[in-house]
Amino acid sequence: TSISTCRDHKFFFEFLIRLQKISQLGWPEIRTAPRHGFGMESISVDQIKPQLPACITPDVRKLHVFRATGDNHPFIGLQIDRIFRVLFIEANFGDIYDHE
């Protein structure tokens, strides 16, 4: 199931709450927080299954992964200066990238 067919309102509510909490942190706090908490980790663009949007130019090699919900579903994006652009939200594990 892709995010476009996900109808789980609880998932999206939890994602918005989590996004609000993350947005209250500064980048230094985010970078030192645990990756399964409010921190982030990097992922190679080669690992992303869907087609990347046009704003991801060939010089971009890695994207940032945050947890969208408390059960570790990720959302993926790119930090450009102080702005974080959300590119993908994974409603079902494996939709965006393979998990180990």
PDB file of N, CA and C in Angstrom:
ATOM      1  N   THR A   1       0.850  -1.184   0.000  1.00  0.00           N
ATOM      2  CA  THR A   1       0.000   0.000   0.000  1.00  0.00           C
ATOM      3  C   THR A   1       0.887   1.236   0.000  1.00  0.00           C
ATOM      4  N   SER A   2       0.646   2.140  -0.875  1.00  0.00           N
ATOM      5  CA  SER A   2       1.424   3.371  -0.897  1.00  0.00           C
ATOM      6  C   SER A   2       0.762   4.406  -0.005  1.00  0.00           C
ATOM      7  N   ILE A   3       1.497   5.460   0.287  1.00  0.00           N
ATOM      8  CA  ILE A   3       0.960   6.526   1.129  1.00  0.00           C
ATOM      9  C   ILE A   3      -0.288   7.137   0.498  1.00  0.00           C
ATOM     10  N   SER A   4      -0.357   7.131  -0.810  1.00  0.00           N
ATOM     11  CA  SER A   4      -1.516   7.730  -1.482  1.00  0.00           C
ATOM     12  C   SER A   4      -2.783   6.900  -1.267  1.00  0.00           C
ATOM     13  N   THR A   5      -2.630   5.613  -0.901  1.00  0.00           N
ATOM     14  CA  THR A   5      -3.809   4.784  -0.656  1.00  0.00           C
ATOM     15  C   THR A   5      -4.017   4.504   0.829  1.00  0.00           C
ATOM     16  N   CYS A   6      -3.151   5.031   1.684  1.00  0.00           N
ATOM     17  CA  CYS A   6      -3.281   4.822   3.124  1.00  0.00           C
ATOM     18  C   CYS A   6      -4.435   5.663   3.652  1.00  0.00           C
ATOM     19  N   ARG A   7      -5.335   5.016   4.356  1.00  0.00           N
ATOM     20  CA  ARG A   7      -6.499   5.711   4.904  1.00  0.00           C
ATOM     21  C   ARG A   7      -6.517   5.657   6.438  1.00  0.00           C
ATOM     22  N   ASP A   8      -5.358   5.381   7.018  1.00  0.00           N
ATOM     23  CA  ASP A   8      -5.238   5.245   8.464  1.00  0.00           C
ATOM     24  C   ASP A   8      -5.074   6.630   9.090  1.00  0.00           C
ATOM     25  N   HIS A   9      -6.181   7.218   9.536  1.00  0.00           N
ATOM     26  CA  HIS A   9      -6.131   8.574  10.080  1.00  0.00           C
ATOM     27  C   HIS A   9      -5.269   8.641  11.337  1.00  0.00           C
ATOM     28  N   LYS A  10      -5.204   7.556  12.106  1.00  0.00           N
ATOM     29  CA  LYS A  10      -4.368   7.534  13.312  1.00  0.00           C
ATOM     30  C   LYS A  10      -2.893   7.696  12.949  1.00  0.00           C
ATOM     31  N   PHE A  11      -2.462   7.046  11.874  1.00  0.00           N
ATOM     32  CA  PHE A  11      -1.074   7.160  11.413  1.00  0.00           C
ATOM     33  C   PHE A  11      -0.735   8.620  11.128  1.00  0.00           C
ATOM     34  N   PHE A  12      -1.586   9.298  10.374  1.00  0.00           N
ATOM     35  CA  PHE A  12      -1.295  10.679  10.004  1.00  0.00           C
ATOM     36  C   PHE A  12      -1.373  11.621  11.196  1.00  0.00           C
ATOM     37  N   PHE A  13      -2.275  11.358  12.130  1.00  0.00           N
ATOM     38  CA  PHE A  13      -2.355  12.159  13.342  1.00  0.00           C
ATOM     39  C   PHE A  13      -1.067  12.011  14.147  1.00  0.00           C
ATOM     40  N   GLU A  14      -0.613  10.771  14.322  1.00  0.00           N
ATOM     41  CA  GLU A  14       0.637  10.527  15.052  1.00  0.00           C
ATOM     42  C   GLU A  14       1.823  11.182  14.344  1.00  0.00           C
ATOM     43  N   PHE A  15       1.822  11.141  13.015  1.00  0.00           N
ATOM     44  CA  PHE A  15       2.896  11.772  12.248  1.00  0.00           C
ATOM     45  C   PHE A  15       2.912  13.275  12.498  1.00  0.00           C
ATOM     46  N   LEU A  16       1.770  13.927  12.474  1.00  0.00           N
ATOM     47  CA  LEU A  16       1.713  15.377  12.699  1.00  0.00           C
ATOM     48  C   LEU A  16       2.160  15.745  14.109  1.00  0.00           C
ATOM     49  N   ILE A  17       1.779  14.964  15.097  1.00  0.00           N
ATOM     50  CA  ILE A  17       2.215  15.207  16.470  1.00  0.00           C
ATOM     51  C   ILE A  17       3.737  15.071  16.563  1.00  0.00           C
ATOM     52  N   ARG A  18       4.259  14.036  15.946  1.00  0.00           N
ATOM     53  CA  ARG A  18       5.710  13.808  15.962  1.00  0.00           C
ATOM     54  C   ARG A  18       6.447  14.935  15.243  1.00  0.00           C
ATOM     55  N   LEU A  19       5.928  15.368  14.111  1.00  0.00           N
ATOM     56  CA  LEU A  19       6.540  16.456  13.361  1.00  0.00           C
ATOM     57  C   LEU A  19       6.561  17.736  14.195  1.00  0.00           C
ATOM     58  N   GLN A  20       5.494  17.984  14.930  1.00  0.00           N
ATOM     59  CA  GLN A  20       5.441  19.151  15.805  1.00  0.00           C
ATOM     60  C   GLN A  20       6.536  19.073  16.880  1.00  0.00           C
ATOM     61  N   LYS A  21       6.711  17.904  17.482  1.00  0.00           N
ATOM     62  CA  LYS A  21       7.731  17.737  18.518  1.00  0.00           C
ATOM     63  C   LYS A  21       9.136  17.916  17.957  1.00  0.00           C
ATOM     64  N   ILE A  22       9.380  17.345  16.790  1.00  0.00           N
ATOM     65  CA  ILE A  22      10.692  17.475  16.162  1.00  0.00           C
ATOM     66  C   ILE A  22      10.958  18.937  15.810  1.00  0.00           C
ATOM     67  N   SER A  23       9.940  19.641  15.330  1.00  0.00           N
ATOM     68  CA  SER A  23      10.130  21.040  14.918  1.00  0.00           C
ATOM     69  C   SER A  23      10.447  21.957  16.092  1.00  0.00           C
ATOM     70  N   GLN A  24      10.173  21.512  17.311  1.00  0.00           N
ATOM     71  CA  GLN A  24      10.486  22.314  18.491  1.00  0.00           C
ATOM     72  C   GLN A  24      11.948  22.152  18.926  1.00  0.00           C
ATOM     73  N   LEU A  25      12.640  21.184  18.349  1.00  0.00           N
ATOM     74  CA  LEU A  25      14.050  20.965  18.649  1.00  0.00           C
ATOM     75  C   LEU A  25      14.911  21.776  17.681  1.00  0.00           C
ATOM     76  N   GLY A  26      16.116  22.045  18.037  1.00  0.00           N
ATOM     77  CA  GLY A  26      17.066  22.665  17.110  1.00  0.00           C
ATOM     78  C   GLY A  26      17.853  21.588  16.389  1.00  0.00           C
ATOM     79  N   TRP A  27      18.496  21.950  15.289  1.00  0.00           N
ATOM     80  CA  TRP A  27      19.274  20.963  14.532  1.00  0.00           C
ATOM     81  C   TRP A  27      20.353  20.303  15.386  1.00  0.00           C
ATOM     82  N   PRO A  28      21.048  21.035  16.287  1.00  0.00           N
ATOM     83  CA  PRO A  28      22.042  20.342  17.133  1.00  0.00           C
ATOM     84  C   PRO A  28      21.413  19.257  18.007  1.00  0.00           C
ATOM     85  N   GLU A  29      20.229  19.517  18.562  1.00  0.00           N
ATOM     86  CA  GLU A  29      19.538  18.513  19.376  1.00  0.00           C
ATOM     87  C   GLU A  29      19.106  17.320  18.529  1.00  0.00           C
ATOM     88  N   ILE A  30      18.606  17.594  17.347  1.00  0.00           N
ATOM     89  CA  ILE A  30      18.171  16.528  16.445  1.00  0.00           C
ATOM     90  C   ILE A  30      19.344  15.640  16.067  1.00  0.00           C
ATOM     91  N   ARG A  31      20.484  16.250  15.767  1.00  0.00           N
ATOM     92  CA  ARG A  31      21.649  15.483  15.327  1.00  0.00           C
ATOM     93  C   ARG A  31      22.245  14.609  16.429  1.00  0.00           C
ATOM     94  N   THR A  32      21.978  14.934  17.693  1.00  0.00           N
ATOM     95  CA  THR A  32      22.520  14.126  18.793  1.00  0.00           C
ATOM     96  C   THR A  32      21.475  13.194  19.413  1.00  0.00           C
ATOM     97  N   ALA A  33      20.220  13.312  19.009  1.00  0.00           N
ATOM     98  CA  ALA A  33      19.157  12.452  19.546  1.00  0.00           C
ATOM     99  C   ALA A  33      19.253  11.058  18.913  1.00  0.00           C
ATOM    100  N   PRO A  34      18.772  10.035  19.615  1.00  0.00           N
ATOM    101  CA  PRO A  34      18.773   8.675  19.041  1.00  0.00           C
ATOM    102  C   PRO A  34      17.940   8.613  17.758  1.00  0.00           C
ATOM    103  N   ARG A  35      18.378   7.828  16.804  1.00  0.00           N
ATOM    104  CA  ARG A  35      17.701   7.757  15.499  1.00  0.00           C
ATOM    105  C   ARG A  35      16.285   7.214  15.605  1.00  0.00           C
ATOM    106  N   HIS A  36      16.010   6.364  16.575  1.00  0.00           N
ATOM    107  CA  HIS A  36      14.653   5.866  16.746  1.00  0.00           C
ATOM    108  C   HIS A  36      13.853   6.724  17.723  1.00  0.00           C
ATOM    109  N   GLY A  37      14.450   7.812  18.164  1.00  0.00           N
ATOM    110  CA  GLY A  37      13.758   8.793  18.987  1.00  0.00           C
ATOM    111  C   GLY A  37      13.381   9.971  18.090  1.00  0.00           C
ATOM    112  N   PHE A  38      13.915  11.134  18.441  1.00  0.00           N
ATOM    113  CA  PHE A  38      13.638  12.324  17.631  1.00  0.00           C
ATOM    114  C   PHE A  38      14.833  12.704  16.769  1.00  0.00           C
ATOM    115  N   GLY A  39      15.792  11.801  16.662  1.00  0.00           N
ATOM    116  CA  GLY A  39      16.968  12.051  15.842  1.00  0.00           C
ATOM    117  C   GLY A  39      16.748  11.617  14.399  1.00  0.00           C
ATOM    118  N   MET A  40      17.832  11.630  13.649  1.00  0.00           N
ATOM    119  CA  MET A  40      17.746  11.248  12.240  1.00  0.00           C
ATOM    120  C   MET A  40      18.966  10.427  11.873  1.00  0.00           C
ATOM    121  N   GLU A  41      18.873   9.810  10.725  1.00  0.00           N
ATOM    122  CA  GLU A  41      19.994   9.081  10.147  1.00  0.00           C
ATOM    123  C   GLU A  41      20.002   9.351   8.653  1.00  0.00           C
ATOM    124  N   SER A  42      21.076   8.982   8.000  1.00  0.00           N
ATOM    125  CA  SER A  42      21.187   9.199   6.554  1.00  0.00           C
ATOM    126  C   SER A  42      20.875   7.920   5.797  1.00  0.00           C
ATOM    127  N   ILE A  43      20.415   8.102   4.576  1.00  0.00           N
ATOM    128  CA  ILE A  43      20.183   6.974   3.674  1.00  0.00           C
ATOM    129  C   ILE A  43      20.644   7.395   2.283  1.00  0.00           C
ATOM    130  N   SER A  44      21.278   6.496   1.584  1.00  0.00           N
ATOM    131  CA  SER A  44      21.735   6.769   0.224  1.00  0.00           C
ATOM    132  C   SER A  44      20.524   6.901  -0.707  1.00  0.00           C
ATOM    133  N   VAL A  45      20.582   7.831  -1.629  1.00  0.00           N
ATOM    134  CA  VAL A  45      19.475   7.992  -2.578  1.00  0.00           C
ATOM    135  C   VAL A  45      19.285   6.724  -3.411  1.00  0.00           C
ATOM    136  N   ASP A  46      20.343   5.916  -3.541  1.00  0.00           N
ATOM    137  CA  ASP A  46      20.252   4.660  -4.299  1.00  0.00           C
ATOM    138  C   ASP A  46      19.332   3.641  -3.642  1.00  0.00           C
ATOM    139  N   GLN A  47      19.055   3.801  -2.347  1.00  0.00           N
ATOM    140  CA  GLN A  47      18.213   2.853  -1.622  1.00  0.00           C
ATOM    141  C   GLN A  47      16.723   3.189  -1.720  1.00  0.00           C
ATOM    142  N   ILE A  48      16.393   4.356  -2.251  1.00  0.00           N
ATOM    143  CA  ILE A  48      15.006   4.794  -2.338  1.00  0.00           C
ATOM    144  C   ILE A  48      14.330   4.120  -3.525  1.00  0.00           C
ATOM    145  N   LYS A  49      13.206   3.469  -3.279  1.00  0.00           N
ATOM    146  CA  LYS A  49      12.492   2.738  -4.334  1.00  0.00           C
ATOM    147  C   LYS A  49      11.713   3.642  -5.296  1.00  0.00           C
ATOM    148  N   PRO A  50      10.900   4.584  -4.789  1.00  0.00           N
ATOM    149  CA  PRO A  50      10.145   5.424  -5.730  1.00  0.00           C
ATOM    150  C   PRO A  50      11.066   6.395  -6.473  1.00  0.00           C
ATOM    151  N   GLN A  51      10.564   6.914  -7.549  1.00  0.00           N
ATOM    152  CA  GLN A  51      11.322   7.911  -8.298  1.00  0.00           C
ATOM    153  C   GLN A  51      11.512   9.150  -7.434  1.00  0.00           C
ATOM    154  N   LEU A  52      12.728   9.670  -7.440  1.00  0.00           N
ATOM    155  CA  LEU A  52      13.023  10.872  -6.664  1.00  0.00           C
ATOM    156  C   LEU A  52      12.443  12.096  -7.359  1.00  0.00           C
ATOM    157  N   PRO A  53      11.994  13.077  -6.595  1.00  0.00           N
ATOM    158  CA  PRO A  53      11.472  14.297  -7.216  1.00  0.00           C
ATOM    159  C   PRO A  53      12.585  15.076  -7.909  1.00  0.00           C
ATOM    160  N   ALA A  54      12.215  15.948  -8.818  1.00  0.00           N
ATOM    161  CA  ALA A  54      13.171  16.711  -9.622  1.00  0.00           C
ATOM    162  C   ALA A  54      14.076  17.602  -8.779  1.00  0.00           C
ATOM    163  N   CYS A  55      13.648  17.972  -7.586  1.00  0.00           N
ATOM    164  CA  CYS A  55      14.480  18.833  -6.735  1.00  0.00           C
ATOM    165  C   CYS A  55      15.712  18.103  -6.192  1.00  0.00           C
ATOM    166  N   ILE A  56      15.738  16.784  -6.312  1.00  0.00           N
ATOM    167  CA  ILE A  56      16.903  16.003  -5.891  1.00  0.00           C
ATOM    168  C   ILE A  56      17.828  15.871  -7.094  1.00  0.00           C
ATOM    169  N   THR A  57      18.826  16.712  -7.111  1.00  0.00           N
ATOM    170  CA  THR A  57      19.778  16.772  -8.223  1.00  0.00           C
ATOM    171  C   THR A  57      20.852  15.694  -8.062  1.00  0.00           C
ATOM    172  N   PRO A  58      21.604  15.396  -9.137  1.00  0.00           N
ATOM    173  CA  PRO A  58      22.615  14.332  -9.078  1.00  0.00           C
ATOM    174  C   PRO A  58      23.688  14.532  -7.999  1.00  0.00           C
ATOM    175  N   ASP A  59      23.900  15.756  -7.546  1.00  0.00           N
ATOM    176  CA  ASP A  59      24.913  15.988  -6.510  1.00  0.00           C
ATOM    177  C   ASP A  59      24.434  15.562  -5.117  1.00  0.00           C
ATOM    178  N   VAL A  60      23.136  15.328  -4.955  1.00  0.00           N
ATOM    179  CA  VAL A  60      22.599  14.866  -3.669  1.00  0.00           C
ATOM    180  C   VAL A  60      22.795  13.361  -3.595  1.00  0.00           C
ATOM    181  N   ARG A  61      23.575  12.924  -2.625  1.00  0.00           N
ATOM    182  CA  ARG A  61      23.888  11.509  -2.484  1.00  0.00           C
ATOM    183  C   ARG A  61      23.129  10.844  -1.327  1.00  0.00           C
ATOM    184  N   LYS A  62      22.746  11.652  -0.331  1.00  0.00           N
ATOM    185  CA  LYS A  62      22.085  11.104   0.854  1.00  0.00           C
ATOM    186  C   LYS A  62      20.874  11.952   1.226  1.00  0.00           C
ATOM    187  N   LEU A  63      19.887  11.284   1.812  1.00  0.00           N
ATOM    188  CA  LEU A  63      18.706  11.949   2.346  1.00  0.00           C
ATOM    189  C   LEU A  63      18.659  11.672   3.848  1.00  0.00           C
ATOM    190  N   HIS A  64      17.790  12.363   4.546  1.00  0.00           N
ATOM    191  CA  HIS A  64      17.660  12.208   5.990  1.00  0.00           C
ATOM    192  C   HIS A  64      16.399  11.401   6.313  1.00  0.00           C
ATOM    193  N   VAL A  65      16.524  10.521   7.279  1.00  0.00           N
ATOM    194  CA  VAL A  65      15.420   9.675   7.704  1.00  0.00           C
ATOM    195  C   VAL A  65      15.062  10.020   9.157  1.00  0.00           C
ATOM    196  N   PHE A  66      13.795  10.304   9.390  1.00  0.00           N
ATOM    197  CA  PHE A  66      13.247  10.510  10.722  1.00  0.00           C
ATOM    198  C   PHE A  66      12.184   9.449  10.944  1.00  0.00           C
ATOM    199  N   ARG A  67      11.766   9.264  12.170  1.00  0.00           N
ATOM    200  CA  ARG A  67      10.667   8.356  12.466  1.00  0.00           C
ATOM    201  C   ARG A  67       9.363   9.134  12.463  1.00  0.00           C
ATOM    202  N   ALA A  68       8.400   8.653  11.672  1.00  0.00           N
ATOM    203  CA  ALA A  68       7.113   9.345  11.511  1.00  0.00           C
ATOM    204  C   ALA A  68       6.177   9.070  12.671  1.00  0.00           C
ATOM    205  N   THR A  69       6.309   7.897  13.273  1.00  0.00           N
ATOM    206  CA  THR A  69       5.425   7.504  14.371  1.00  0.00           C
ATOM    207  C   THR A  69       6.253   6.766  15.415  1.00  0.00           C
ATOM    208  N   GLY A  70       5.662   6.507  16.549  1.00  0.00           N
ATOM    209  CA  GLY A  70       6.348   5.790  17.615  1.00  0.00           C
ATOM    210  C   GLY A  70       6.711   4.356  17.272  1.00  0.00           C
ATOM    211  N   ASP A  71       6.101   3.798  16.223  1.00  0.00           N
ATOM    212  CA  ASP A  71       6.425   2.421  15.837  1.00  0.00           C
ATOM    213  C   ASP A  71       7.482   2.369  14.734  1.00  0.00           C
ATOM    214  N   ASN A  72       8.213   3.460  14.585  1.00  0.00           N
ATOM    215  CA  ASN A  72       9.398   3.560  13.717  1.00  0.00           C
ATOM    216  C   ASN A  72       9.137   3.626  12.220  1.00  0.00           C
ATOM    217  N   HIS A  73       7.920   3.893  11.787  1.00  0.00           N
ATOM    218  CA  HIS A  73       7.726   4.152  10.360  1.00  0.00           C
ATOM    219  C   HIS A  73       8.492   5.428  10.013  1.00  0.00           C
ATOM    220  N   PRO A  74       9.264   5.415   8.928  1.00  0.00           N
ATOM    221  CA  PRO A  74      10.086   6.588   8.624  1.00  0.00           C
ATOM    222  C   PRO A  74       9.417   7.594   7.686  1.00  0.00           C
ATOM    223  N   PHE A  75       9.941   8.801   7.753  1.00  0.00           N
ATOM    224  CA  PHE A  75       9.711   9.761   6.685  1.00  0.00           C
ATOM    225  C   PHE A  75      11.075  10.264   6.251  1.00  0.00           C
ATOM    226  N   ILE A  76      11.199  10.541   4.971  1.00  0.00           N
ATOM    227  CA  ILE A  76      12.481  10.824   4.364  1.00  0.00           C
ATOM    228  C   ILE A  76      12.422  12.193   3.717  1.00  0.00           C
ATOM    229  N   GLY A  77      13.512  12.920   3.829  1.00  0.00           N
ATOM    230  CA  GLY A  77      13.565  14.236   3.217  1.00  0.00           C
ATOM    231  C   GLY A  77      14.974  14.763   3.146  1.00  0.00           C
ATOM    232  N   LEU A  78      15.062  16.061   2.950  1.00  0.00           N
ATOM    233  CA  LEU A  78      16.345  16.716   2.756  1.00  0.00           C
ATOM    234  C   LEU A  78      16.335  18.058   3.455  1.00  0.00           C
ATOM    235  N   GLN A  79      17.381  18.314   4.221  1.00  0.00           N
ATOM    236  CA  GLN A  79      17.546  19.602   4.874  1.00  0.00           C
ATOM    237  C   GLN A  79      18.258  20.542   3.906  1.00  0.00           C
ATOM    238  N   ILE A  80      17.656  21.681   3.654  1.00  0.00           N
ATOM    239  CA  ILE A  80      18.262  22.733   2.843  1.00  0.00           C
ATOM    240  C   ILE A  80      18.267  23.984   3.718  1.00  0.00           C
ATOM    241  N   ASP A  81      19.447  24.360   4.180  1.00  0.00           N
ATOM    242  CA  ASP A  81      19.608  25.434   5.158  1.00  0.00           C
ATOM    243  C   ASP A  81      18.812  25.079   6.410  1.00  0.00           C
ATOM    244  N   ARG A  82      17.878  25.922   6.821  1.00  0.00           N
ATOM    245  CA  ARG A  82      17.096  25.671   8.037  1.00  0.00           C
ATOM    246  C   ARG A  82      15.796  24.932   7.751  1.00  0.00           C
ATOM    247  N   ILE A  83      15.517  24.655   6.493  1.00  0.00           N
ATOM    248  CA  ILE A  83      14.250  24.040   6.086  1.00  0.00           C
ATOM    249  C   ILE A  83      14.446  22.550   5.808  1.00  0.00           C
ATOM    250  N   PHE A  84      13.502  21.742   6.304  1.00  0.00           N
ATOM    251  CA  PHE A  84      13.501  20.315   5.998  1.00  0.00           C
ATOM    252  C   PHE A  84      12.348  20.033   5.052  1.00  0.00           C
ATOM    253  N   ARG A  85      12.659  19.491   3.890  1.00  0.00           N
ATOM    254  CA  ARG A  85      11.637  19.143   2.891  1.00  0.00           C
ATOM    255  C   ARG A  85      11.294  17.672   3.019  1.00  0.00           C
ATOM    256  N   VAL A  86      10.060  17.378   3.376  1.00  0.00           N
ATOM    257  CA  VAL A  86       9.605  15.990   3.457  1.00  0.00           C
ATOM    258  C   VAL A  86       9.326  15.505   2.039  1.00  0.00           C
ATOM    259  N   LEU A  87       9.980  14.412   1.650  1.00  0.00           N
ATOM    260  CA  LEU A  87       9.819  13.861   0.306  1.00  0.00           C
ATOM    261  C   LEU A  87       8.933  12.624   0.291  1.00  0.00           C
ATOM    262  N   PHE A  88       9.089  11.778   1.311  1.00  0.00           N
ATOM    263  CA  PHE A  88       8.343  10.526   1.373  1.00  0.00           C
ATOM    264  C   PHE A  88       7.926  10.249   2.814  1.00  0.00           C
ATOM    265  N   ILE A  89       6.759   9.660   2.985  1.00  0.00           N
ATOM    266  CA  ILE A  89       6.287   9.179   4.272  1.00  0.00           C
ATOM    267  C   ILE A  89       5.932   7.709   4.066  1.00  0.00           C
ATOM    268  N   GLU A  90       6.564   6.839   4.842  1.00  0.00           N
ATOM    269  CA  GLU A  90       6.350   5.402   4.654  1.00  0.00           C
ATOM    270  C   GLU A  90       5.258   4.902   5.600  1.00  0.00           C
ATOM    271  N   ALA A  91       4.085   4.694   5.063  1.00  0.00           N
ATOM    272  CA  ALA A  91       2.957   4.195   5.866  1.00  0.00           C
ATOM    273  C   ALA A  91       3.092   2.702   6.125  1.00  0.00           C
ATOM    274  N   ASN A  92       3.707   1.981   5.198  1.00  0.00           N
ATOM    275  CA  ASN A  92       3.916   0.538   5.339  1.00  0.00           C
ATOM    276  C   ASN A  92       5.392   0.240   5.135  1.00  0.00           C
ATOM    277  N   PHE A  93       5.971  -0.510   6.067  1.00  0.00           N
ATOM    278  CA  PHE A  93       7.391  -0.823   5.988  1.00  0.00           C
ATOM    279  C   PHE A  93       7.740  -1.428   4.632  1.00  0.00           C
ATOM    280  N   GLY A  94       8.773  -0.895   4.012  1.00  0.00           N
ATOM    281  CA  GLY A  94       9.249  -1.407   2.740  1.00  0.00           C
ATOM    282  C   GLY A  94       8.733  -0.666   1.523  1.00  0.00           C
ATOM    283  N   ASP A  95       7.795   0.252   1.682  1.00  0.00           N
ATOM    284  CA  ASP A  95       7.272   1.003   0.536  1.00  0.00           C
ATOM    285  C   ASP A  95       8.314   1.938  -0.072  1.00  0.00           C
ATOM    286  N   ILE A  96       9.137   2.540   0.789  1.00  0.00           N
ATOM    287  CA  ILE A  96      10.097   3.538   0.326  1.00  0.00           C
ATOM    288  C   ILE A  96      11.501   2.957   0.190  1.00  0.00           C
ATOM    289  N   TYR A  97      11.908   2.137   1.143  1.00  0.00           N
ATOM    290  CA  TYR A  97      13.214   1.465   1.074  1.00  0.00           C
ATOM    291  C   TYR A  97      13.146   0.162   1.849  1.00  0.00           C
ATOM    292  N   ASP A  98      14.095  -0.749   1.531  1.00  0.00           N
ATOM    293  CA  ASP A  98      14.138  -2.038   2.226  1.00  0.00           C
ATOM    294  C   ASP A  98      14.755  -1.841   3.605  1.00  0.00           C
ATOM    295  N   HIS A  99      14.113  -2.403   4.611  1.00  0.00           N
ATOM    296  CA  HIS A  99      14.590  -2.306   5.985  1.00  0.00           C
ATOM    297  C   HIS A  99      15.373  -3.572   6.316  1.00  0.00           C
ATOM    298  N   GLU A 100      16.441  -3.403   7.051  1.00  0.00           N
ATOM    299  CA  GLU A 100      17.290  -4.561   7.400  1.00  0.00           C
ATOM    300  C   GLU A 100      16.838  -5.212   8.671  1.00  0.00           C
TER     301      GLU A 100
END
